[in-house]
PDB file of N, CA and C in Angstrom:
ATOM      1  N   UNK A   1       1.299  22.403   6.152  1.00  0.00           N
ATOM      2  CA  UNK A   1       1.726  21.065   5.794  1.00  0.00           C
ATOM      3  C   UNK A   1       0.607  20.085   6.148  1.00  0.00           C
ATOM      4  N   UNK A   2       0.390  19.137   5.254  1.00  0.00           N
ATOM      5  CA  UNK A   2      -0.611  18.098   5.460  1.00  0.00           C
ATOM      6  C   UNK A   2       0.038  16.731   5.260  1.00  0.00           C
ATOM      7  N   UNK A   3      -0.465  15.755   5.983  1.00  0.00           N
ATOM      8  CA  UNK A   3       0.023  14.385   5.892  1.00  0.00           C
ATOM      9  C   UNK A   3      -1.168  13.481   5.618  1.00  0.00           C
ATOM     10  N   UNK A   4      -1.005  12.550   4.691  1.00  0.00           N
ATOM     11  CA  UNK A   4      -2.042  11.557   4.431  1.00  0.00           C
ATOM     12  C   UNK A   4      -1.423  10.179   4.608  1.00  0.00           C
ATOM     13  N   UNK A   5      -2.164   9.314   5.263  1.00  0.00           N
ATOM     14  CA  UNK A   5      -1.731   7.936   5.471  1.00  0.00           C
ATOM     15  C   UNK A   5      -2.806   7.003   4.928  1.00  0.00           C
ATOM     16  N   UNK A   6      -2.387   6.034   4.146  1.00  0.00           N
ATOM     17  CA  UNK A   6      -3.277   5.015   3.604  1.00  0.00           C
ATOM     18  C   UNK A   6      -2.813   3.672   4.145  1.00  0.00           C
ATOM     19  N   UNK A   7      -3.726   2.961   4.775  1.00  0.00           N
ATOM     20  CA  UNK A   7      -3.435   1.619   5.256  1.00  0.00           C
ATOM     21  C   UNK A   7      -4.404   0.667   4.583  1.00  0.00           C
ATOM     22  N   UNK A   8      -3.888  -0.415   4.044  1.00  0.00           N
ATOM     23  CA  UNK A   8      -4.785  -1.370   3.399  1.00  0.00           C
ATOM     24  C   UNK A   8      -4.366  -2.795   3.701  1.00  0.00           C
ATOM     25  N   UNK A   9      -5.359  -3.668   3.606  1.00  0.00           N
ATOM     26  CA  UNK A   9      -5.117  -5.098   3.768  1.00  0.00           C
ATOM     27  C   UNK A   9      -5.280  -5.741   2.405  1.00  0.00           C
ATOM     28  N   UNK A  10      -4.281  -6.501   2.035  1.00  0.00           N
ATOM     29  CA  UNK A  10      -4.241  -7.125   0.725  1.00  0.00           C
ATOM     30  C   UNK A  10      -4.255  -8.642   0.903  1.00  0.00           C
ATOM     31  N   UNK A  11      -5.216  -9.309   0.275  1.00  0.00           N
ATOM     32  CA  UNK A  11      -5.238 -10.772   0.264  1.00  0.00           C
ATOM     33  C   UNK A  11      -4.431 -11.253  -0.930  1.00  0.00           C
ATOM     34  N   UNK A  12      -3.643 -12.281  -0.701  1.00  0.00           N
ATOM     35  CA  UNK A  12      -2.753 -12.822  -1.728  1.00  0.00           C
ATOM     36  C   UNK A  12      -3.105 -14.285  -1.988  1.00  0.00           C
ATOM     37  N   UNK A  13      -4.157 -14.543  -2.761  1.00  0.00           N
ATOM     38  CA  UNK A  13      -4.530 -15.935  -3.024  1.00  0.00           C
ATOM     39  C   UNK A  13      -3.447 -16.629  -3.839  1.00  0.00           C
ATOM     40  N   UNK A  14      -3.208 -17.875  -3.527  1.00  0.00           N
ATOM     41  CA  UNK A  14      -2.222 -18.651  -4.263  1.00  0.00           C
ATOM     42  C   UNK A  14      -0.804 -18.554  -3.709  1.00  0.00           C
ATOM     43  N   UNK A  15      -0.611 -17.776  -2.643  1.00  0.00           N
ATOM     44  CA  UNK A  15       0.710 -17.672  -2.016  1.00  0.00           C
ATOM     45  C   UNK A  15       0.740 -18.639  -0.832  1.00  0.00           C
ATOM     46  N   UNK A  16       1.732 -19.529  -0.815  1.00  0.00           N
ATOM     47  CA  UNK A  16       1.775 -20.559   0.215  1.00  0.00           C
ATOM     48  C   UNK A  16       3.071 -20.603   1.000  1.00  0.00           C
ATOM     49  N   UNK A  17       3.808 -19.493   0.987  1.00  0.00           N
ATOM     50  CA  UNK A  17       4.996 -19.420   1.829  1.00  0.00           C
ATOM     51  C   UNK A  17       5.305 -17.957   2.127  1.00  0.00           C
ATOM     52  N   UNK A  18       5.962 -17.738   3.255  1.00  0.00           N
ATOM     53  CA  UNK A  18       6.362 -16.373   3.607  1.00  0.00           C
ATOM     54  C   UNK A  18       7.407 -15.846   2.630  1.00  0.00           C
ATOM     55  N   UNK A  19       8.249 -16.721   2.131  1.00  0.00           N
ATOM     56  CA  UNK A  19       9.271 -16.299   1.173  1.00  0.00           C
ATOM     57  C   UNK A  19       8.626 -15.773  -0.107  1.00  0.00           C
ATOM     58  N   UNK A  20       7.635 -16.459  -0.615  1.00  0.00           N
ATOM     59  CA  UNK A  20       6.928 -16.017  -1.818  1.00  0.00           C
ATOM     60  C   UNK A  20       6.197 -14.702  -1.556  1.00  0.00           C
ATOM     61  N   UNK A  21       5.552 -14.616  -0.403  1.00  0.00           N
ATOM     62  CA  UNK A  21       4.826 -13.394  -0.046  1.00  0.00           C
ATOM     63  C   UNK A  21       5.774 -12.206   0.017  1.00  0.00           C
ATOM     64  N   UNK A  22       6.885 -12.376   0.696  1.00  0.00           N
ATOM     65  CA  UNK A  22       7.830 -11.269   0.854  1.00  0.00           C
ATOM     66  C   UNK A  22       8.406 -10.818  -0.480  1.00  0.00           C
ATOM     67  N   UNK A  23       8.624 -11.753  -1.381  1.00  0.00           N
ATOM     68  CA  UNK A  23       9.100 -11.390  -2.714  1.00  0.00           C
ATOM     69  C   UNK A  23       8.089 -10.540  -3.467  1.00  0.00           C
ATOM     70  N   UNK A  24       6.842 -10.928  -3.384  1.00  0.00           N
ATOM     71  CA  UNK A  24       5.771 -10.182  -4.049  1.00  0.00           C
ATOM     72  C   UNK A  24       5.623  -8.793  -3.435  1.00  0.00           C
ATOM     73  N   UNK A  25       5.543  -8.733  -2.108  1.00  0.00           N
ATOM     74  CA  UNK A  25       5.308  -7.461  -1.406  1.00  0.00           C
ATOM     75  C   UNK A  25       6.498  -6.523  -1.573  1.00  0.00           C
ATOM     76  N   UNK A  26       7.701  -7.046  -1.478  1.00  0.00           N
ATOM     77  CA  UNK A  26       8.888  -6.198  -1.616  1.00  0.00           C
ATOM     78  C   UNK A  26       8.904  -5.515  -2.983  1.00  0.00           C
ATOM     79  N   UNK A  27       8.647  -6.269  -4.031  1.00  0.00           N
ATOM     80  CA  UNK A  27       8.609  -5.692  -5.374  1.00  0.00           C
ATOM     81  C   UNK A  27       7.506  -4.667  -5.536  1.00  0.00           C
ATOM     82  N   UNK A  28       6.323  -4.981  -5.021  1.00  0.00           N
ATOM     83  CA  UNK A  28       5.190  -4.061  -5.119  1.00  0.00           C
ATOM     84  C   UNK A  28       5.489  -2.751  -4.402  1.00  0.00           C
ATOM     85  N   UNK A  29       5.997  -2.835  -3.178  1.00  0.00           N
ATOM     86  CA  UNK A  29       6.283  -1.617  -2.413  1.00  0.00           C
ATOM     87  C   UNK A  29       7.361  -0.774  -3.091  1.00  0.00           C
ATOM     88  N   UNK A  30       8.358  -1.407  -3.667  1.00  0.00           N
ATOM     89  CA  UNK A  30       9.412  -0.660  -4.363  1.00  0.00           C
ATOM     90  C   UNK A  30       8.853   0.060  -5.585  1.00  0.00           C
ATOM     91  N   UNK A  31       8.003  -0.605  -6.353  1.00  0.00           N
ATOM     92  CA  UNK A  31       7.402   0.032  -7.534  1.00  0.00           C
ATOM     93  C   UNK A  31       6.517   1.211  -7.137  1.00  0.00           C
ATOM     94  N   UNK A  32       5.718   1.047  -6.085  1.00  0.00           N
ATOM     95  CA  UNK A  32       4.842   2.136  -5.627  1.00  0.00           C
ATOM     96  C   UNK A  32       5.683   3.313  -5.137  1.00  0.00           C
ATOM     97  N   UNK A  33       6.713   3.033  -4.359  1.00  0.00           N
ATOM     98  CA  UNK A  33       7.591   4.093  -3.854  1.00  0.00           C
ATOM     99  C   UNK A  33       8.226   4.875  -5.007  1.00  0.00           C
ATOM    100  N   UNK A  34       8.762   4.170  -5.983  1.00  0.00           N
ATOM    101  CA  UNK A  34       9.421   4.828  -7.109  1.00  0.00           C
ATOM    102  C   UNK A  34       8.453   5.614  -7.982  1.00  0.00           C
ATOM    103  N   UNK A  35       7.268   5.076  -8.186  1.00  0.00           N
ATOM    104  CA  UNK A  35       6.311   5.693  -9.103  1.00  0.00           C
ATOM    105  C   UNK A  35       5.567   6.885  -8.500  1.00  0.00           C
ATOM    106  N   UNK A  36       5.253   6.822  -7.197  1.00  0.00           N
ATOM    107  CA  UNK A  36       4.381   7.827  -6.599  1.00  0.00           C
ATOM    108  C   UNK A  36       5.049   8.676  -5.511  1.00  0.00           C
ATOM    109  N   UNK A  37       6.301   8.442  -5.219  1.00  0.00           N
ATOM    110  CA  UNK A  37       7.052   9.215  -4.216  1.00  0.00           C
ATOM    111  C   UNK A  37       6.336   9.244  -2.866  1.00  0.00           C
ATOM    112  N   UNK A  38       5.971   8.070  -2.384  1.00  0.00           N
ATOM    113  CA  UNK A  38       5.357   7.937  -1.063  1.00  0.00           C
ATOM    114  C   UNK A  38       6.225   7.004  -0.224  1.00  0.00           C
ATOM    115  N   UNK A  39       6.177   7.186   1.084  1.00  0.00           N
ATOM    116  CA  UNK A  39       6.835   6.255   1.998  1.00  0.00           C
ATOM    117  C   UNK A  39       5.975   5.002   2.085  1.00  0.00           C
ATOM    118  N   UNK A  40       6.605   3.833   2.108  1.00  0.00           N
ATOM    119  CA  UNK A  40       5.874   2.567   2.085  1.00  0.00           C
ATOM    120  C   UNK A  40       6.443   1.597   3.112  1.00  0.00           C
ATOM    121  N   UNK A  41       5.582   0.719   3.617  1.00  0.00           N
ATOM    122  CA  UNK A  41       6.044  -0.320   4.545  1.00  0.00           C
ATOM    123  C   UNK A  41       4.975  -1.396   4.675  1.00  0.00           C
ATOM    124  N   UNK A  42       5.433  -2.614   4.955  1.00  0.00           N
ATOM    125  CA  UNK A  42       4.505  -3.673   5.358  1.00  0.00           C
ATOM    126  C   UNK A  42       4.341  -3.515   6.860  1.00  0.00           C
ATOM    127  N   UNK A  43       3.127  -3.261   7.314  1.00  0.00           N
ATOM    128  CA  UNK A  43       2.906  -2.863   8.706  1.00  0.00           C
ATOM    129  C   UNK A  43       2.088  -3.849   9.534  1.00  0.00           C
ATOM    130  N   UNK A  44       1.508  -4.859   8.914  1.00  0.00           N
ATOM    131  CA  UNK A  44       0.677  -5.811   9.657  1.00  0.00           C
ATOM    132  C   UNK A  44       0.651  -7.150   8.933  1.00  0.00           C
ATOM    133  N   UNK A  45       0.233  -8.173   9.654  1.00  0.00           N
ATOM    134  CA  UNK A  45       0.095  -9.532   9.097  1.00  0.00           C
ATOM    135  C   UNK A  45       1.430 -10.050   8.567  1.00  0.00           C
ATOM    136  N   UNK A  46       2.504  -9.732   9.251  1.00  0.00           N
ATOM    137  CA  UNK A  46       3.834 -10.083   8.770  1.00  0.00           C
ATOM    138  C   UNK A  46       4.061 -11.592   8.695  1.00  0.00           C
ATOM    139  N   UNK A  47       3.399 -12.361   9.531  1.00  0.00           N
ATOM    140  CA  UNK A  47       3.609 -13.807   9.561  1.00  0.00           C
ATOM    141  C   UNK A  47       2.483 -14.607   8.911  1.00  0.00           C
ATOM    142  N   UNK A  48       1.604 -13.931   8.184  1.00  0.00           N
ATOM    143  CA  UNK A  48       0.516 -14.622   7.489  1.00  0.00           C
ATOM    144  C   UNK A  48       0.856 -14.721   6.006  1.00  0.00           C
ATOM    145  N   UNK A  49       0.759 -15.897   5.447  1.00  0.00           N
ATOM    146  CA  UNK A  49       1.160 -16.128   4.064  1.00  0.00           C
ATOM    147  C   UNK A  49       0.308 -15.389   3.063  1.00  0.00           C
ATOM    148  N   UNK A  50      -0.991 -15.376   3.256  1.00  0.00           N
ATOM    149  CA  UNK A  50      -1.890 -14.873   2.218  1.00  0.00           C
ATOM    150  C   UNK A  50      -2.511 -13.521   2.541  1.00  0.00           C
ATOM    151  N   UNK A  51      -1.960 -12.808   3.512  1.00  0.00           N
ATOM    152  CA  UNK A  51      -2.476 -11.493   3.868  1.00  0.00           C
ATOM    153  C   UNK A  51      -1.308 -10.555   4.125  1.00  0.00           C
ATOM    154  N   UNK A  52      -1.444  -9.323   3.637  1.00  0.00           N
ATOM    155  CA  UNK A  52      -0.414  -8.309   3.889  1.00  0.00           C
ATOM    156  C   UNK A  52      -1.097  -7.018   4.331  1.00  0.00           C
ATOM    157  N   UNK A  53      -0.567  -6.391   5.364  1.00  0.00           N
ATOM    158  CA  UNK A  53      -1.020  -5.071   5.793  1.00  0.00           C
ATOM    159  C   UNK A  53       0.011  -4.062   5.339  1.00  0.00           C
ATOM    160  N   UNK A  54      -0.389  -3.160   4.457  1.00  0.00           N
ATOM    161  CA  UNK A  54       0.534  -2.208   3.853  1.00  0.00           C
ATOM    162  C   UNK A  54       0.194  -0.787   4.263  1.00  0.00           C
ATOM    163  N   UNK A  55       1.222   0.027   4.461  1.00  0.00           N
ATOM    164  CA  UNK A  55       1.027   1.431   4.820  1.00  0.00           C
ATOM    165  C   UNK A  55       1.761   2.338   3.844  1.00  0.00           C
ATOM    166  N   UNK A  56       1.112   3.449   3.499  1.00  0.00           N
ATOM    167  CA  UNK A  56       1.666   4.432   2.573  1.00  0.00           C
ATOM    168  C   UNK A  56       1.442   5.817   3.175  1.00  0.00           C
ATOM    169  N   UNK A  57       2.458   6.681   3.118  1.00  0.00           N
ATOM    170  CA  UNK A  57       2.353   8.019   3.691  1.00  0.00           C
ATOM    171  C   UNK A  57       2.946   9.034   2.723  1.00  0.00           C
ATOM    172  N   UNK A  58       2.292  10.193   2.627  1.00  0.00           N
ATOM    173  CA  UNK A  58       2.804  11.291   1.802  1.00  0.00           C
ATOM    174  C   UNK A  58       2.580  12.610   2.535  1.00  0.00           C
ATOM    175  N   UNK A  59       3.443  13.562   2.254  1.00  0.00           N
ATOM    176  CA  UNK A  59       3.375  14.896   2.855  1.00  0.00           C
ATOM    177  C   UNK A  59       3.287  15.907   1.735  1.00  0.00           C
ATOM    178  N   UNK A  60       2.456  16.951   1.932  1.00  0.00           N
ATOM    179  CA  UNK A  60       2.333  17.986   0.913  1.00  0.00           C
ATOM    180  C   UNK A  60       1.607  19.205   1.424  1.00  0.00           C
ATOM    181  N   UNK A  61       1.404  20.168   0.532  1.00  0.00           N
ATOM    182  CA  UNK A  61       0.761  21.426   0.893  1.00  0.00           C
ATOM    183  C   UNK A  61      -0.748  21.422   0.693  1.00  0.00           C
ATOM    184  N   UNK A  62      -1.248  20.544  -0.190  1.00  0.00           N
ATOM    185  CA  UNK A  62      -2.675  20.555  -0.507  1.00  0.00           C
ATOM    186  C   UNK A  62      -3.294  19.179  -0.278  1.00  0.00           C
ATOM    187  N   UNK A  63      -4.389  19.167   0.444  1.00  0.00           N
ATOM    188  CA  UNK A  63      -5.083  17.916   0.762  1.00  0.00           C
ATOM    189  C   UNK A  63      -5.586  17.241  -0.514  1.00  0.00           C
ATOM    190  N   UNK A  64      -6.114  18.008  -1.443  1.00  0.00           N
ATOM    191  CA  UNK A  64      -6.662  17.432  -2.673  1.00  0.00           C
ATOM    192  C   UNK A  64      -5.585  16.697  -3.479  1.00  0.00           C
ATOM    193  N   UNK A  65      -4.401  17.262  -3.537  1.00  0.00           N
ATOM    194  CA  UNK A  65      -3.300  16.630  -4.263  1.00  0.00           C
ATOM    195  C   UNK A  65      -2.896  15.328  -3.574  1.00  0.00           C
ATOM    196  N   UNK A  66      -2.824  15.349  -2.250  1.00  0.00           N
ATOM    197  CA  UNK A  66      -2.469  14.147  -1.502  1.00  0.00           C
ATOM    198  C   UNK A  66      -3.523  13.058  -1.658  1.00  0.00           C
ATOM    199  N   UNK A  67      -4.780  13.460  -1.603  1.00  0.00           N
ATOM    200  CA  UNK A  67      -5.865  12.492  -1.765  1.00  0.00           C
ATOM    201  C   UNK A  67      -5.808  11.863  -3.162  1.00  0.00           C
ATOM    202  N   UNK A  68      -5.548  12.673  -4.161  1.00  0.00           N
ATOM    203  CA  UNK A  68      -5.433  12.175  -5.521  1.00  0.00           C
ATOM    204  C   UNK A  68      -4.259  11.204  -5.659  1.00  0.00           C
ATOM    205  N   UNK A  69      -3.134  11.527  -5.032  1.00  0.00           N
ATOM    206  CA  UNK A  69      -1.964  10.652  -5.097  1.00  0.00           C
ATOM    207  C   UNK A  69      -2.266   9.294  -4.468  1.00  0.00           C
ATOM    208  N   UNK A  70      -2.929   9.304  -3.307  1.00  0.00           N
ATOM    209  CA  UNK A  70      -3.244   8.037  -2.646  1.00  0.00           C
ATOM    210  C   UNK A  70      -4.272   7.238  -3.437  1.00  0.00           C
ATOM    211  N   UNK A  71      -5.190   7.919  -4.104  1.00  0.00           N
ATOM    212  CA  UNK A  71      -6.151   7.207  -4.954  1.00  0.00           C
ATOM    213  C   UNK A  71      -5.424   6.546  -6.115  1.00  0.00           C
ATOM    214  N   UNK A  72      -4.415   7.225  -6.652  1.00  0.00           N
ATOM    215  CA  UNK A  72      -3.618   6.642  -7.738  1.00  0.00           C
ATOM    216  C   UNK A  72      -2.827   5.428  -7.243  1.00  0.00           C
ATOM    217  N   UNK A  73      -2.311   5.505  -6.023  1.00  0.00           N
ATOM    218  CA  UNK A  73      -1.616   4.364  -5.422  1.00  0.00           C
ATOM    219  C   UNK A  73      -2.575   3.180  -5.322  1.00  0.00           C
ATOM    220  N   UNK A  74      -3.760   3.427  -4.805  1.00  0.00           N
ATOM    221  CA  UNK A  74      -4.762   2.373  -4.661  1.00  0.00           C
ATOM    222  C   UNK A  74      -5.145   1.788  -6.019  1.00  0.00           C
ATOM    223  N   UNK A  75      -5.388   2.646  -7.000  1.00  0.00           N
ATOM    224  CA  UNK A  75      -5.735   2.179  -8.346  1.00  0.00           C
ATOM    225  C   UNK A  75      -4.613   1.336  -8.947  1.00  0.00           C
ATOM    226  N   UNK A  76      -3.374   1.757  -8.725  1.00  0.00           N
ATOM    227  CA  UNK A  76      -2.225   1.022  -9.235  1.00  0.00           C
ATOM    228  C   UNK A  76      -2.154  -0.380  -8.619  1.00  0.00           C
ATOM    229  N   UNK A  77      -2.320  -0.451  -7.319  1.00  0.00           N
ATOM    230  CA  UNK A  77      -2.258  -1.740  -6.629  1.00  0.00           C
ATOM    231  C   UNK A  77      -3.378  -2.660  -7.101  1.00  0.00           C
ATOM    232  N   UNK A  78      -4.567  -2.112  -7.235  1.00  0.00           N
ATOM    233  CA  UNK A  78      -5.693  -2.927  -7.715  1.00  0.00           C
ATOM    234  C   UNK A  78      -5.475  -3.366  -9.164  1.00  0.00           C
ATOM    235  N   UNK A  79      -4.891  -2.497  -9.968  1.00  0.00           N
ATOM    236  CA  UNK A  79      -4.650  -2.805 -11.376  1.00  0.00           C
ATOM    237  C   UNK A  79      -3.533  -3.803 -11.602  1.00  0.00           C
ATOM    238  N   UNK A  80      -2.609  -3.903 -10.667  1.00  0.00           N
ATOM    239  CA  UNK A  80      -1.483  -4.836 -10.787  1.00  0.00           C
ATOM    240  C   UNK A  80      -1.937  -6.281 -10.762  1.00  0.00           C
ATOM    241  N   UNK A  81      -3.007  -6.555 -10.050  1.00  0.00           N
ATOM    242  CA  UNK A  81      -3.479  -7.932  -9.947  1.00  0.00           C
ATOM    243  C   UNK A  81      -2.653  -8.788  -9.004  1.00  0.00           C
ATOM    244  N   UNK A  82      -1.792  -8.159  -8.222  1.00  0.00           N
ATOM    245  CA  UNK A  82      -0.958  -8.883  -7.264  1.00  0.00           C
ATOM    246  C   UNK A  82      -1.806  -9.518  -6.181  1.00  0.00           C
ATOM    247  N   UNK A  83      -2.801  -8.793  -5.722  1.00  0.00           N
ATOM    248  CA  UNK A  83      -3.672  -9.264  -4.656  1.00  0.00           C
ATOM    249  C   UNK A  83      -5.000  -8.544  -4.713  1.00  0.00           C
ATOM    250  N   UNK A  84      -5.830  -8.833  -3.739  1.00  0.00           N
ATOM    251  CA  UNK A  84      -7.169  -8.249  -3.666  1.00  0.00           C
ATOM    252  C   UNK A  84      -7.226  -7.335  -2.447  1.00  0.00           C
ATOM    253  N   UNK A  85      -7.563  -6.070  -2.663  1.00  0.00           N
ATOM    254  CA  UNK A  85      -7.712  -5.129  -1.556  1.00  0.00           C
ATOM    255  C   UNK A  85      -9.030  -5.443  -0.860  1.00  0.00           C
ATOM    256  N   UNK A  86      -8.951  -5.839   0.417  1.00  0.00           N
ATOM    257  CA  UNK A  86     -10.154  -6.226   1.139  1.00  0.00           C
ATOM    258  C   UNK A  86     -10.545  -5.211   2.208  1.00  0.00           C
ATOM    259  N   UNK A  87      -9.642  -4.319   2.561  1.00  0.00           N
ATOM    260  CA  UNK A  87      -9.939  -3.313   3.580  1.00  0.00           C
ATOM    261  C   UNK A  87      -8.966  -2.164   3.396  1.00  0.00           C
ATOM    262  N   UNK A  88      -9.452  -0.943   3.626  1.00  0.00           N
ATOM    263  CA  UNK A  88      -8.545   0.197   3.563  1.00  0.00           C
ATOM    264  C   UNK A  88      -9.030   1.315   4.471  1.00  0.00           C
ATOM    265  N   UNK A  89      -8.074   2.141   4.864  1.00  0.00           N
ATOM    266  CA  UNK A  89      -8.372   3.296   5.711  1.00  0.00           C
ATOM    267  C   UNK A  89      -7.422   4.409   5.293  1.00  0.00           C
ATOM    268  N   UNK A  90      -7.978   5.611   5.097  1.00  0.00           N
ATOM    269  CA  UNK A  90      -7.179   6.764   4.748  1.00  0.00           C
ATOM    270  C   UNK A  90      -7.390   7.838   5.811  1.00  0.00           C
ATOM    271  N   UNK A  91      -6.304   8.399   6.310  1.00  0.00           N
ATOM    272  CA  UNK A  91      -6.374   9.436   7.333  1.00  0.00           C
ATOM    273  C   UNK A  91      -5.577  10.653   6.903  1.00  0.00           C
ATOM    274  N   UNK A  92      -6.107  11.826   7.239  1.00  0.00           N
ATOM    275  CA  UNK A  92      -5.429  13.095   6.959  1.00  0.00           C
ATOM    276  C   UNK A  92      -5.062  13.759   8.284  1.00  0.00           C
ATOM    277  N   UNK A  93      -3.849  14.256   8.353  1.00  0.00           N
ATOM    278  CA  UNK A  93      -3.394  15.000   9.517  1.00  0.00           C
ATOM    279  C   UNK A  93      -3.039  16.409   9.071  1.00  0.00           C
ATOM    280  N   UNK A  94      -3.513  17.391   9.804  1.00  0.00           N
ATOM    281  CA  UNK A  94      -3.231  18.783   9.424  1.00  0.00           C
ATOM    282  C   UNK A  94      -1.930  19.253  10.000  1.00  0.00           C
TER     283      UNK A  94
END
């Protein structure tokens, strides 16, 4: 069994309230969860309007498949145009 975790920081230009931010992030995380079958959560910068720290985790038998899935998650988030990915970290656990 292998576990992959992706953590990223997303800048949200043009967002000026926590309510607006939470609406955007909640929808994004739900779409990613449904589309890619990964666990999702907002894990950092909870009280900052224009920044979100997001975490994604998946479990599987092959590292290459997990890496590909997380790359697809990242590509999807970047393609959505919701925010700008400014930092990311991916970790594999055996």
